[in-house]
Amino acid sequence: MTDYRRNRIPGGTYFFTVNIAERRKDLLVRHIEALRNAIDSEQQRAPFTVIAFVILPDHLHAIWRLPFGDSDYSNRRRRIKANFLRALPARERGSDSKRDKGERGVWQRRF
């Protein structure tokens, strides 16, 4: 079993990569406005500074700096992913196994 460790440094700068589950799709660039809206909405809810964002068809890379005293990057990512997913047409479905678990399965699990 892999042992994941997440550093939580208040006011820290974080780099991460997030993938969609089906790596051959162009979901992120096809629905770029929905992704931008999800990020903007989260920045209003829980501010953070975007140092860099690279959006590719099937994954994205990001560098964020959180405000002083704040280390909650994980929930920000979760809410962005959820808001993006809610904006997608219902036909954007993931795998059968994820659907059986009640998930749409668009995003790859974890970071």
PDB file of N, CA and C in Angstrom:
ATOM      1  N   MET A   1       0.850  -1.185   0.000  1.00  0.00           N
ATOM      2  CA  MET A   1       0.000   0.000   0.000  1.00  0.00           C
ATOM      3  C   MET A   1       0.886   1.236   0.000  1.00  0.00           C
ATOM      4  N   THR A   2       0.584   2.145  -0.876  1.00  0.00           N
ATOM      5  CA  THR A   2       1.344   3.385  -0.959  1.00  0.00           C
ATOM      6  C   THR A   2       1.029   4.274   0.232  1.00  0.00           C
ATOM      7  N   ASP A   3       2.054   4.903   0.757  1.00  0.00           N
ATOM      8  CA  ASP A   3       1.889   5.800   1.898  1.00  0.00           C
ATOM      9  C   ASP A   3       1.962   7.242   1.394  1.00  0.00           C
ATOM     10  N   TYR A   4       0.791   7.868   1.235  1.00  0.00           N
ATOM     11  CA  TYR A   4       0.749   9.238   0.763  1.00  0.00           C
ATOM     12  C   TYR A   4       0.970  10.193   1.927  1.00  0.00           C
ATOM     13  N   ARG A   5       1.820  11.174   1.719  1.00  0.00           N
ATOM     14  CA  ARG A   5       2.029  12.226   2.699  1.00  0.00           C
ATOM     15  C   ARG A   5       1.766  13.548   2.026  1.00  0.00           C
ATOM     16  N   ARG A   6       1.015  14.383   2.673  1.00  0.00           N
ATOM     17  CA  ARG A   6       0.741  15.707   2.141  1.00  0.00           C
ATOM     18  C   ARG A   6       1.285  16.732   3.103  1.00  0.00           C
ATOM     19  N   ASN A   7       2.181  17.547   2.603  1.00  0.00           N
ATOM     20  CA  ASN A   7       2.696  18.636   3.426  1.00  0.00           C
ATOM     21  C   ASN A   7       1.623  19.694   3.572  1.00  0.00           C
ATOM     22  N   ARG A   8       1.490  20.196   4.751  1.00  0.00           N
ATOM     23  CA  ARG A   8       0.529  21.264   5.023  1.00  0.00           C
ATOM     24  C   ARG A   8       1.279  22.390   5.714  1.00  0.00           C
ATOM     25  N   ILE A   9       1.707  23.339   4.893  1.00  0.00           N
ATOM     26  CA  ILE A   9       2.460  24.474   5.397  1.00  0.00           C
ATOM     27  C   ILE A   9       1.600  25.714   5.218  1.00  0.00           C
ATOM     28  N   PRO A  10       1.116  26.313   6.291  1.00  0.00           N
ATOM     29  CA  PRO A  10       0.277  27.501   6.167  1.00  0.00           C
ATOM     30  C   PRO A  10       0.972  28.589   5.351  1.00  0.00           C
ATOM     31  N   GLY A  11       0.245  29.124   4.366  1.00  0.00           N
ATOM     32  CA  GLY A  11       0.808  30.149   3.498  1.00  0.00           C
ATOM     33  C   GLY A  11       1.783  29.593   2.480  1.00  0.00           C
ATOM     34  N   GLY A  12       1.822  28.279   2.334  1.00  0.00           N
ATOM     35  CA  GLY A  12       2.789  27.632   1.456  1.00  0.00           C
ATOM     36  C   GLY A  12       2.444  27.728  -0.017  1.00  0.00           C
ATOM     37  N   THR A  13       3.410  27.340  -0.834  1.00  0.00           N
ATOM     38  CA  THR A  13       3.247  27.262  -2.276  1.00  0.00           C
ATOM     39  C   THR A  13       3.238  25.785  -2.647  1.00  0.00           C
ATOM     40  N   TYR A  14       2.253  25.381  -3.443  1.00  0.00           N
ATOM     41  CA  TYR A  14       2.038  23.971  -3.744  1.00  0.00           C
ATOM     42  C   TYR A  14       1.989  23.735  -5.247  1.00  0.00           C
ATOM     43  N   PHE A  15       2.599  22.635  -5.686  1.00  0.00           N
ATOM     44  CA  PHE A  15       2.528  22.182  -7.068  1.00  0.00           C
ATOM     45  C   PHE A  15       1.772  20.867  -7.081  1.00  0.00           C
ATOM     46  N   PHE A  16       0.866  20.710  -8.041  1.00  0.00           N
ATOM     47  CA  PHE A  16       0.190  19.427  -8.190  1.00  0.00           C
ATOM     48  C   PHE A  16      -0.263  19.229  -9.623  1.00  0.00           C
ATOM     49  N   THR A  17      -0.556  17.983  -9.932  1.00  0.00           N
ATOM     50  CA  THR A  17      -1.077  17.570 -11.228  1.00  0.00           C
ATOM     51  C   THR A  17      -2.381  16.838 -10.978  1.00  0.00           C
ATOM     52  N   VAL A  18      -3.383  17.129 -11.791  1.00  0.00           N
ATOM     53  CA  VAL A  18      -4.673  16.445 -11.696  1.00  0.00           C
ATOM     54  C   VAL A  18      -5.009  15.896 -13.074  1.00  0.00           C
ATOM     55  N   ASN A  19      -5.410  14.633 -13.126  1.00  0.00           N
ATOM     56  CA  ASN A  19      -5.711  13.947 -14.385  1.00  0.00           C
ATOM     57  C   ASN A  19      -7.191  13.608 -14.490  1.00  0.00           C
ATOM     58  N   ILE A  20      -7.693  13.577 -15.713  1.00  0.00           N
ATOM     59  CA  ILE A  20      -9.012  13.003 -15.902  1.00  0.00           C
ATOM     60  C   ILE A  20      -8.826  11.491 -16.001  1.00  0.00           C
ATOM     61  N   ALA A  21      -9.879  10.758 -15.758  1.00  0.00           N
ATOM     62  CA  ALA A  21      -9.775   9.300 -15.701  1.00  0.00           C
ATOM     63  C   ALA A  21      -9.461   8.692 -17.068  1.00  0.00           C
ATOM     64  N   GLU A  22     -10.117   9.180 -18.097  1.00  0.00           N
ATOM     65  CA  GLU A  22      -9.896   8.631 -19.436  1.00  0.00           C
ATOM     66  C   GLU A  22      -8.906   9.528 -20.164  1.00  0.00           C
ATOM     67  N   ARG A  23      -7.642   9.139 -20.118  1.00  0.00           N
ATOM     68  CA  ARG A  23      -6.549   9.994 -20.580  1.00  0.00           C
ATOM     69  C   ARG A  23      -6.569  10.283 -22.075  1.00  0.00           C
ATOM     70  N   ARG A  24      -7.383   9.609 -22.856  1.00  0.00           N
ATOM     71  CA  ARG A  24      -7.424   9.876 -24.299  1.00  0.00           C
ATOM     72  C   ARG A  24      -8.440  10.961 -24.663  1.00  0.00           C
ATOM     73  N   LYS A  25      -9.166  11.459 -23.694  1.00  0.00           N
ATOM     74  CA  LYS A  25     -10.175  12.477 -23.979  1.00  0.00           C
ATOM     75  C   LYS A  25      -9.584  13.881 -23.862  1.00  0.00           C
ATOM     76  N   ASP A  26     -10.267  14.833 -24.476  1.00  0.00           N
ATOM     77  CA  ASP A  26      -9.832  16.226 -24.443  1.00  0.00           C
ATOM     78  C   ASP A  26     -10.770  17.077 -23.584  1.00  0.00           C
ATOM     79  N   LEU A  27     -11.260  16.494 -22.545  1.00  0.00           N
ATOM     80  CA  LEU A  27     -12.297  17.081 -21.702  1.00  0.00           C
ATOM     81  C   LEU A  27     -11.942  18.472 -21.163  1.00  0.00           C
ATOM     82  N   LEU A  28     -10.735  18.655 -20.710  1.00  0.00           N
ATOM     83  CA  LEU A  28     -10.384  19.928 -20.071  1.00  0.00           C
ATOM     84  C   LEU A  28     -10.343  21.083 -21.059  1.00  0.00           C
ATOM     85  N   VAL A  29      -9.821  20.866 -22.231  1.00  0.00           N
ATOM     86  CA  VAL A  29      -9.782  21.963 -23.206  1.00  0.00           C
ATOM     87  C   VAL A  29     -11.136  22.145 -23.896  1.00  0.00           C
ATOM     88  N   ARG A  30     -11.889  21.082 -24.033  1.00  0.00           N
ATOM     89  CA  ARG A  30     -13.212  21.184 -24.650  1.00  0.00           C
ATOM     90  C   ARG A  30     -14.176  21.964 -23.765  1.00  0.00           C
ATOM     91  N   HIS A  31     -13.975  21.866 -22.449  1.00  0.00           N
ATOM     92  CA  HIS A  31     -14.838  22.552 -21.482  1.00  0.00           C
ATOM     93  C   HIS A  31     -14.021  23.556 -20.660  1.00  0.00           C
ATOM     94  N   ILE A  32     -13.141  24.280 -21.336  1.00  0.00           N
ATOM     95  CA  ILE A  32     -12.225  25.207 -20.659  1.00  0.00           C
ATOM     96  C   ILE A  32     -12.973  26.293 -19.885  1.00  0.00           C
ATOM     97  N   GLU A  33     -14.079  26.786 -20.403  1.00  0.00           N
ATOM     98  CA  GLU A  33     -14.825  27.836 -19.693  1.00  0.00           C
ATOM     99  C   GLU A  33     -15.386  27.311 -18.379  1.00  0.00           C
ATOM    100  N   ALA A  34     -15.870  26.089 -18.366  1.00  0.00           N
ATOM    101  CA  ALA A  34     -16.379  25.495 -17.130  1.00  0.00           C
ATOM    102  C   ALA A  34     -15.255  25.357 -16.112  1.00  0.00           C
ATOM    103  N   LEU A  35     -14.067  24.993 -16.570  1.00  0.00           N
ATOM    104  CA  LEU A  35     -12.926  24.871 -15.668  1.00  0.00           C
ATOM    105  C   LEU A  35     -12.527  26.245 -15.119  1.00  0.00           C
ATOM    106  N   ARG A  36     -12.453  27.233 -15.999  1.00  0.00           N
ATOM    107  CA  ARG A  36     -12.130  28.597 -15.543  1.00  0.00           C
ATOM    108  C   ARG A  36     -13.146  29.100 -14.533  1.00  0.00           C
ATOM    109  N   ASN A  37     -14.421  28.860 -14.800  1.00  0.00           N
ATOM    110  CA  ASN A  37     -15.467  29.298 -13.872  1.00  0.00           C
ATOM    111  C   ASN A  37     -15.349  28.608 -12.524  1.00  0.00           C
ATOM    112  N   ALA A  38     -15.021  27.325 -12.529  1.00  0.00           N
ATOM    113  CA  ALA A  38     -14.858  26.591 -11.269  1.00  0.00           C
ATOM    114  C   ALA A  38     -13.685  27.146 -10.468  1.00  0.00           C
ATOM    115  N   ILE A  39     -12.602  27.485 -11.141  1.00  0.00           N
ATOM    116  CA  ILE A  39     -11.431  28.046 -10.456  1.00  0.00           C
ATOM    117  C   ILE A  39     -11.757  29.438  -9.915  1.00  0.00           C
ATOM    118  N   ASP A  40     -12.382  30.277 -10.746  1.00  0.00           N
ATOM    119  CA  ASP A  40     -12.750  31.628 -10.310  1.00  0.00           C
ATOM    120  C   ASP A  40     -13.693  31.588  -9.120  1.00  0.00           C
ATOM    121  N   SER A  41     -14.658  30.709  -9.170  1.00  0.00           N
ATOM    122  CA  SER A  41     -15.624  30.577  -8.075  1.00  0.00           C
ATOM    123  C   SER A  41     -14.929  30.190  -6.769  1.00  0.00           C
ATOM    124  N   GLU A  42     -13.993  29.260  -6.871  1.00  0.00           N
ATOM    125  CA  GLU A  42     -13.272  28.835  -5.660  1.00  0.00           C
ATOM    126  C   GLU A  42     -12.369  29.935  -5.134  1.00  0.00           C
ATOM    127  N   GLN A  43     -11.757  30.715  -6.019  1.00  0.00           N
ATOM    128  CA  GLN A  43     -10.905  31.817  -5.566  1.00  0.00           C
ATOM    129  C   GLN A  43     -11.728  32.865  -4.816  1.00  0.00           C
ATOM    130  N   GLN A  44     -12.964  33.053  -5.196  1.00  0.00           N
ATOM    131  CA  GLN A  44     -13.826  33.973  -4.460  1.00  0.00           C
ATOM    132  C   GLN A  44     -14.225  33.391  -3.119  1.00  0.00           C
ATOM    133  N   ARG A  45     -14.465  32.093  -3.076  1.00  0.00           N
ATOM    134  CA  ARG A  45     -14.877  31.429  -1.837  1.00  0.00           C
ATOM    135  C   ARG A  45     -13.729  31.319  -0.840  1.00  0.00           C
ATOM    136  N   ALA A  46     -12.583  30.865  -1.324  1.00  0.00           N
ATOM    137  CA  ALA A  46     -11.412  30.634  -0.479  1.00  0.00           C
ATOM    138  C   ALA A  46     -10.189  31.106  -1.261  1.00  0.00           C
ATOM    139  N   PRO A  47      -9.785  32.348  -1.101  1.00  0.00           N
ATOM    140  CA  PRO A  47      -8.729  32.934  -1.939  1.00  0.00           C
ATOM    141  C   PRO A  47      -7.414  32.148  -1.935  1.00  0.00           C
ATOM    142  N   PHE A  48      -6.760  32.200  -3.075  1.00  0.00           N
ATOM    143  CA  PHE A  48      -5.414  31.672  -3.256  1.00  0.00           C
ATOM    144  C   PHE A  48      -4.833  32.364  -4.478  1.00  0.00           C
ATOM    145  N   THR A  49      -3.528  32.382  -4.576  1.00  0.00           N
ATOM    146  CA  THR A  49      -2.853  33.001  -5.714  1.00  0.00           C
ATOM    147  C   THR A  49      -2.428  31.919  -6.691  1.00  0.00           C
ATOM    148  N   VAL A  50      -2.792  32.092  -7.941  1.00  0.00           N
ATOM    149  CA  VAL A  50      -2.358  31.178  -8.985  1.00  0.00           C
ATOM    150  C   VAL A  50      -1.009  31.676  -9.484  1.00  0.00           C
ATOM    151  N   ILE A  51       0.031  30.920  -9.233  1.00  0.00           N
ATOM    152  CA  ILE A  51       1.366  31.233  -9.736  1.00  0.00           C
ATOM    153  C   ILE A  51       1.478  30.772 -11.184  1.00  0.00           C
ATOM    154  N   ALA A  52       0.989  29.567 -11.447  1.00  0.00           N
ATOM    155  CA  ALA A  52       1.017  29.018 -12.808  1.00  0.00           C
ATOM    156  C   ALA A  52      -0.087  27.977 -12.950  1.00  0.00           C
ATOM    157  N   PHE A  53      -0.628  27.890 -14.143  1.00  0.00           N
ATOM    158  CA  PHE A  53      -1.634  26.884 -14.471  1.00  0.00           C
ATOM    159  C   PHE A  53      -1.358  26.436 -15.893  1.00  0.00           C
ATOM    160  N   VAL A  54      -1.195  25.158 -16.125  1.00  0.00           N
ATOM    161  CA  VAL A  54      -1.031  24.601 -17.467  1.00  0.00           C
ATOM    162  C   VAL A  54      -2.163  23.612 -17.655  1.00  0.00           C
ATOM    163  N   ILE A  55      -3.017  23.902 -18.620  1.00  0.00           N
ATOM    164  CA  ILE A  55      -4.173  23.048 -18.869  1.00  0.00           C
ATOM    165  C   ILE A  55      -3.963  22.350 -20.205  1.00  0.00           C
ATOM    166  N   LEU A  56      -3.914  21.040 -20.149  1.00  0.00           N
ATOM    167  CA  LEU A  56      -3.748  20.184 -21.317  1.00  0.00           C
ATOM    168  C   LEU A  56      -5.048  19.413 -21.523  1.00  0.00           C
ATOM    169  N   PRO A  57      -5.224  18.729 -22.633  1.00  0.00           N
ATOM    170  CA  PRO A  57      -6.503  18.057 -22.887  1.00  0.00           C
ATOM    171  C   PRO A  57      -6.953  17.099 -21.789  1.00  0.00           C
ATOM    172  N   ASP A  58      -6.026  16.376 -21.183  1.00  0.00           N
ATOM    173  CA  ASP A  58      -6.415  15.332 -20.227  1.00  0.00           C
ATOM    174  C   ASP A  58      -5.860  15.509 -18.819  1.00  0.00           C
ATOM    175  N   HIS A  59      -5.126  16.579 -18.576  1.00  0.00           N
ATOM    176  CA  HIS A  59      -4.623  16.829 -17.226  1.00  0.00           C
ATOM    177  C   HIS A  59      -4.215  18.292 -17.088  1.00  0.00           C
ATOM    178  N   LEU A  60      -3.986  18.685 -15.865  1.00  0.00           N
ATOM    179  CA  LEU A  60      -3.540  20.052 -15.620  1.00  0.00           C
ATOM    180  C   LEU A  60      -2.448  20.045 -14.561  1.00  0.00           C
ATOM    181  N   HIS A  61      -1.604  21.057 -14.630  1.00  0.00           N
ATOM    182  CA  HIS A  61      -0.570  21.298 -13.628  1.00  0.00           C
ATOM    183  C   HIS A  61      -0.865  22.664 -13.025  1.00  0.00           C
ATOM    184  N   ALA A  62      -0.630  22.786 -11.735  1.00  0.00           N
ATOM    185  CA  ALA A  62      -0.893  24.066 -11.085  1.00  0.00           C
ATOM    186  C   ALA A  62       0.129  24.329  -9.992  1.00  0.00           C
ATOM    187  N   ILE A  63       0.426  25.595  -9.821  1.00  0.00           N
ATOM    188  CA  ILE A  63       1.219  26.064  -8.680  1.00  0.00           C
ATOM    189  C   ILE A  63       0.385  27.156  -8.015  1.00  0.00           C
ATOM    190  N   TRP A  64       0.069  26.941  -6.752  1.00  0.00           N
ATOM    191  CA  TRP A  64      -0.734  27.888  -5.981  1.00  0.00           C
ATOM    192  C   TRP A  64       0.042  28.334  -4.761  1.00  0.00           C
ATOM    193  N   ARG A  65      -0.238  29.548  -4.336  1.00  0.00           N
ATOM    194  CA  ARG A  65       0.235  30.028  -3.036  1.00  0.00           C
ATOM    195  C   ARG A  65      -1.008  30.346  -2.205  1.00  0.00           C
ATOM    196  N   LEU A  66      -1.039  29.782  -1.020  1.00  0.00           N
ATOM    197  CA  LEU A  66      -2.183  30.003  -0.136  1.00  0.00           C
ATOM    198  C   LEU A  66      -1.928  31.201   0.770  1.00  0.00           C
ATOM    199  N   PRO A  67      -2.986  31.789   1.293  1.00  0.00           N
ATOM    200  CA  PRO A  67      -2.828  32.932   2.192  1.00  0.00           C
ATOM    201  C   PRO A  67      -2.115  32.538   3.492  1.00  0.00           C
ATOM    202  N   PHE A  68      -1.540  33.530   4.138  1.00  0.00           N
ATOM    203  CA  PHE A  68      -0.867  33.323   5.418  1.00  0.00           C
ATOM    204  C   PHE A  68      -1.811  32.618   6.387  1.00  0.00           C
ATOM    205  N   GLY A  69      -1.317  31.574   7.024  1.00  0.00           N
ATOM    206  CA  GLY A  69      -2.105  30.848   8.017  1.00  0.00           C
ATOM    207  C   GLY A  69      -3.051  29.803   7.440  1.00  0.00           C
ATOM    208  N   ASP A  70      -3.083  29.623   6.147  1.00  0.00           N
ATOM    209  CA  ASP A  70      -4.015  28.698   5.492  1.00  0.00           C
ATOM    210  C   ASP A  70      -3.222  27.608   4.773  1.00  0.00           C
ATOM    211  N   SER A  71      -3.575  26.345   5.020  1.00  0.00           N
ATOM    212  CA  SER A  71      -2.897  25.228   4.348  1.00  0.00           C
ATOM    213  C   SER A  71      -3.885  24.279   3.663  1.00  0.00           C
ATOM    214  N   ASP A  72      -5.126  24.716   3.484  1.00  0.00           N
ATOM    215  CA  ASP A  72      -6.176  23.828   2.981  1.00  0.00           C
ATOM    216  C   ASP A  72      -6.273  23.839   1.456  1.00  0.00           C
ATOM    217  N   TYR A  73      -5.242  23.362   0.775  1.00  0.00           N
ATOM    218  CA  TYR A  73      -5.288  23.260  -0.682  1.00  0.00           C
ATOM    219  C   TYR A  73      -6.162  22.100  -1.130  1.00  0.00           C
ATOM    220  N   SER A  74      -6.248  21.063  -0.302  1.00  0.00           N
ATOM    221  CA  SER A  74      -6.956  19.854  -0.682  1.00  0.00           C
ATOM    222  C   SER A  74      -8.453  20.108  -0.900  1.00  0.00           C
ATOM    223  N   ASN A  75      -9.088  20.820  -0.002  1.00  0.00           N
ATOM    224  CA  ASN A  75     -10.516  21.102  -0.178  1.00  0.00           C
ATOM    225  C   ASN A  75     -10.769  22.066  -1.325  1.00  0.00           C
ATOM    226  N   ARG A  76      -9.848  22.970  -1.572  1.00  0.00           N
ATOM    227  CA  ARG A  76      -9.990  23.847  -2.738  1.00  0.00           C
ATOM    228  C   ARG A  76     -10.007  23.007  -4.013  1.00  0.00           C
ATOM    229  N   ARG A  77      -9.054  22.079  -4.133  1.00  0.00           N
ATOM    230  CA  ARG A  77      -9.002  21.200  -5.309  1.00  0.00           C
ATOM    231  C   ARG A  77     -10.281  20.385  -5.432  1.00  0.00           C
ATOM    232  N   ARG A  78     -10.739  19.855  -4.324  1.00  0.00           N
ATOM    233  CA  ARG A  78     -11.952  19.030  -4.335  1.00  0.00           C
ATOM    234  C   ARG A  78     -13.146  19.834  -4.838  1.00  0.00           C
ATOM    235  N   ARG A  79     -13.301  21.056  -4.351  1.00  0.00           N
ATOM    236  CA  ARG A  79     -14.443  21.879  -4.769  1.00  0.00           C
ATOM    237  C   ARG A  79     -14.325  22.311  -6.236  1.00  0.00           C
ATOM    238  N   ILE A  80     -13.122  22.614  -6.705  1.00  0.00           N
ATOM    239  CA  ILE A  80     -12.948  22.955  -8.121  1.00  0.00           C
ATOM    240  C   ILE A  80     -13.342  21.764  -8.990  1.00  0.00           C
ATOM    241  N   LYS A  81     -12.873  20.583  -8.635  1.00  0.00           N
ATOM    242  CA  LYS A  81     -13.210  19.391  -9.396  1.00  0.00           C
ATOM    243  C   LYS A  81     -14.724  19.154  -9.401  1.00  0.00           C
ATOM    244  N   ALA A  82     -15.358  19.318  -8.248  1.00  0.00           N
ATOM    245  CA  ALA A  82     -16.810  19.101  -8.147  1.00  0.00           C
ATOM    246  C   ALA A  82     -17.580  20.140  -8.955  1.00  0.00           C
ATOM    247  N   ASN A  83     -17.188  21.409  -8.865  1.00  0.00           N
ATOM    248  CA  ASN A  83     -17.882  22.457  -9.622  1.00  0.00           C
ATOM    249  C   ASN A  83     -17.723  22.266 -11.125  1.00  0.00           C
ATOM    250  N   PHE A  84     -16.531  21.877 -11.551  1.00  0.00           N
ATOM    251  CA  PHE A  84     -16.304  21.587 -12.967  1.00  0.00           C
ATOM    252  C   PHE A  84     -17.208  20.437 -13.416  1.00  0.00           C
ATOM    253  N   LEU A  85     -17.254  19.393 -12.622  1.00  0.00           N
ATOM    254  CA  LEU A  85     -18.054  18.223 -12.956  1.00  0.00           C
ATOM    255  C   LEU A  85     -19.537  18.569 -13.080  1.00  0.00           C
ATOM    256  N   ARG A  86     -20.050  19.386 -12.158  1.00  0.00           N
ATOM    257  CA  ARG A  86     -21.462  19.777 -12.209  1.00  0.00           C
ATOM    258  C   ARG A  86     -21.788  20.581 -13.470  1.00  0.00           C
ATOM    259  N   ALA A  87     -20.811  21.275 -14.026  1.00  0.00           N
ATOM    260  CA  ALA A  87     -21.039  22.091 -15.223  1.00  0.00           C
ATOM    261  C   ALA A  87     -21.007  21.269 -16.510  1.00  0.00           C
ATOM    262  N   LEU A  88     -20.546  20.040 -16.438  1.00  0.00           N
ATOM    263  CA  LEU A  88     -20.440  19.210 -17.649  1.00  0.00           C
ATOM    264  C   LEU A  88     -21.800  18.632 -18.030  1.00  0.00           C
ATOM    265  N   PRO A  89     -22.005  18.417 -19.314  1.00  0.00           N
ATOM    266  CA  PRO A  89     -23.217  17.719 -19.745  1.00  0.00           C
ATOM    267  C   PRO A  89     -23.244  16.311 -19.154  1.00  0.00           C
ATOM    268  N   ALA A  90     -24.418  15.797 -18.887  1.00  0.00           N
ATOM    269  CA  ALA A  90     -24.562  14.470 -18.265  1.00  0.00           C
ATOM    270  C   ALA A  90     -23.960  13.365 -19.119  1.00  0.00           C
ATOM    271  N   ARG A  91     -23.775  13.590 -20.400  1.00  0.00           N
ATOM    272  CA  ARG A  91     -23.229  12.531 -21.255  1.00  0.00           C
ATOM    273  C   ARG A  91     -21.737  12.288 -21.014  1.00  0.00           C
ATOM    274  N   GLU A  92     -21.064  13.203 -20.328  1.00  0.00           N
ATOM    275  CA  GLU A  92     -19.641  13.016 -19.995  1.00  0.00           C
ATOM    276  C   GLU A  92     -19.552  12.051 -18.816  1.00  0.00           C
ATOM    277  N   ARG A  93     -19.508  10.779 -19.113  1.00  0.00           N
ATOM    278  CA  ARG A  93     -19.508   9.745 -18.080  1.00  0.00           C
ATOM    279  C   ARG A  93     -18.152   9.063 -18.014  1.00  0.00           C
ATOM    280  N   GLY A  94     -17.873   8.507 -16.862  1.00  0.00           N
ATOM    281  CA  GLY A  94     -16.636   7.766 -16.671  1.00  0.00           C
ATOM    282  C   GLY A  94     -16.850   6.279 -16.884  1.00  0.00           C
ATOM    283  N   SER A  95     -16.047   5.487 -16.202  1.00  0.00           N
ATOM    284  CA  SER A  95     -16.079   4.034 -16.380  1.00  0.00           C
ATOM    285  C   SER A  95     -17.322   3.412 -15.740  1.00  0.00           C
ATOM    286  N   ASP A  96     -17.662   2.200 -16.198  1.00  0.00           N
ATOM    287  CA  ASP A  96     -18.795   1.478 -15.630  1.00  0.00           C
ATOM    288  C   ASP A  96     -18.580   1.191 -14.155  1.00  0.00           C
ATOM    289  N   SER A  97     -17.357   0.828 -13.753  1.00  0.00           N
ATOM    290  CA  SER A  97     -17.107   0.491 -12.349  1.00  0.00           C
ATOM    291  C   SER A  97     -17.329   1.697 -11.439  1.00  0.00           C
ATOM    292  N   LYS A  98     -16.933   2.876 -11.884  1.00  0.00           N
ATOM    293  CA  LYS A  98     -17.163   4.070 -11.079  1.00  0.00           C
ATOM    294  C   LYS A  98     -18.647   4.422 -11.061  1.00  0.00           C
ATOM    295  N   ARG A  99     -19.320   4.270 -12.187  1.00  0.00           N
ATOM    296  CA  ARG A  99     -20.747   4.543 -12.255  1.00  0.00           C
ATOM    297  C   ARG A  99     -21.501   3.613 -11.301  1.00  0.00           C
ATOM    298  N   ASP A 100     -21.069   2.353 -11.194  1.00  0.00           N
ATOM    299  CA  ASP A 100     -21.696   1.404 -10.284  1.00  0.00           C
ATOM    300  C   ASP A 100     -21.567   1.842  -8.827  1.00  0.00           C
ATOM    301  N   LYS A 101     -20.554   2.633  -8.522  1.00  0.00           N
ATOM    302  CA  LYS A 101     -20.332   3.132  -7.167  1.00  0.00           C
ATOM    303  C   LYS A 101     -20.999   4.493  -6.951  1.00  0.00           C
ATOM    304  N   GLY A 102     -21.766   4.935  -7.950  1.00  0.00           N
ATOM    305  CA  GLY A 102     -22.459   6.208  -7.829  1.00  0.00           C
ATOM    306  C   GLY A 102     -21.597   7.410  -8.169  1.00  0.00           C
ATOM    307  N   GLU A 103     -20.460   7.183  -8.820  1.00  0.00           N
ATOM    308  CA  GLU A 103     -19.562   8.270  -9.211  1.00  0.00           C
ATOM    309  C   GLU A 103     -19.679   8.491 -10.707  1.00  0.00           C
ATOM    310  N   ARG A 104     -19.480   9.735 -11.142  1.00  0.00           N
ATOM    311  CA  ARG A 104     -19.421   9.979 -12.580  1.00  0.00           C
ATOM    312  C   ARG A 104     -18.066   9.562 -13.108  1.00  0.00           C
ATOM    313  N   GLY A 105     -17.061   9.620 -12.284  1.00  0.00           N
ATOM    314  CA  GLY A 105     -15.768   9.063 -12.653  1.00  0.00           C
ATOM    315  C   GLY A 105     -15.003   9.837 -13.708  1.00  0.00           C
ATOM    316  N   VAL A 106     -15.206  11.142 -13.797  1.00  0.00           N
ATOM    317  CA  VAL A 106     -14.473  11.938 -14.775  1.00  0.00           C
ATOM    318  C   VAL A 106     -13.034  12.142 -14.333  1.00  0.00           C
ATOM    319  N   TRP A 107     -12.827  12.385 -13.055  1.00  0.00           N
ATOM    320  CA  TRP A 107     -11.477  12.661 -12.526  1.00  0.00           C
ATOM    321  C   TRP A 107     -10.803  11.393 -12.057  1.00  0.00           C
ATOM    322  N   GLN A 108      -9.517  11.327 -12.251  1.00  0.00           N
ATOM    323  CA  GLN A 108      -8.717  10.257 -11.659  1.00  0.00           C
ATOM    324  C   GLN A 108      -8.689  10.502 -10.159  1.00  0.00           C
ATOM    325  N   ARG A 109      -8.727   9.464  -9.396  1.00  0.00           N
ATOM    326  CA  ARG A 109      -8.722   9.613  -7.930  1.00  0.00           C
ATOM    327  C   ARG A 109      -7.410  10.185  -7.438  1.00  0.00           C
ATOM    328  N   ARG A 110      -7.500  10.856  -6.326  1.00  0.00           N
ATOM    329  CA  ARG A 110      -6.370  11.492  -5.658  1.00  0.00           C
ATOM    330  C   ARG A 110      -5.840  12.654  -6.477  1.00  0.00           C
ATOM    331  N   PHE A 111      -4.620  13.082  -6.236  1.00  0.00           N
ATOM    332  CA  PHE A 111      -4.059  14.235  -6.916  1.00  0.00           C
ATOM    333  C   PHE A 111      -3.239  13.801  -8.097  1.00  0.00           C
TER     334      PHE A 111
END
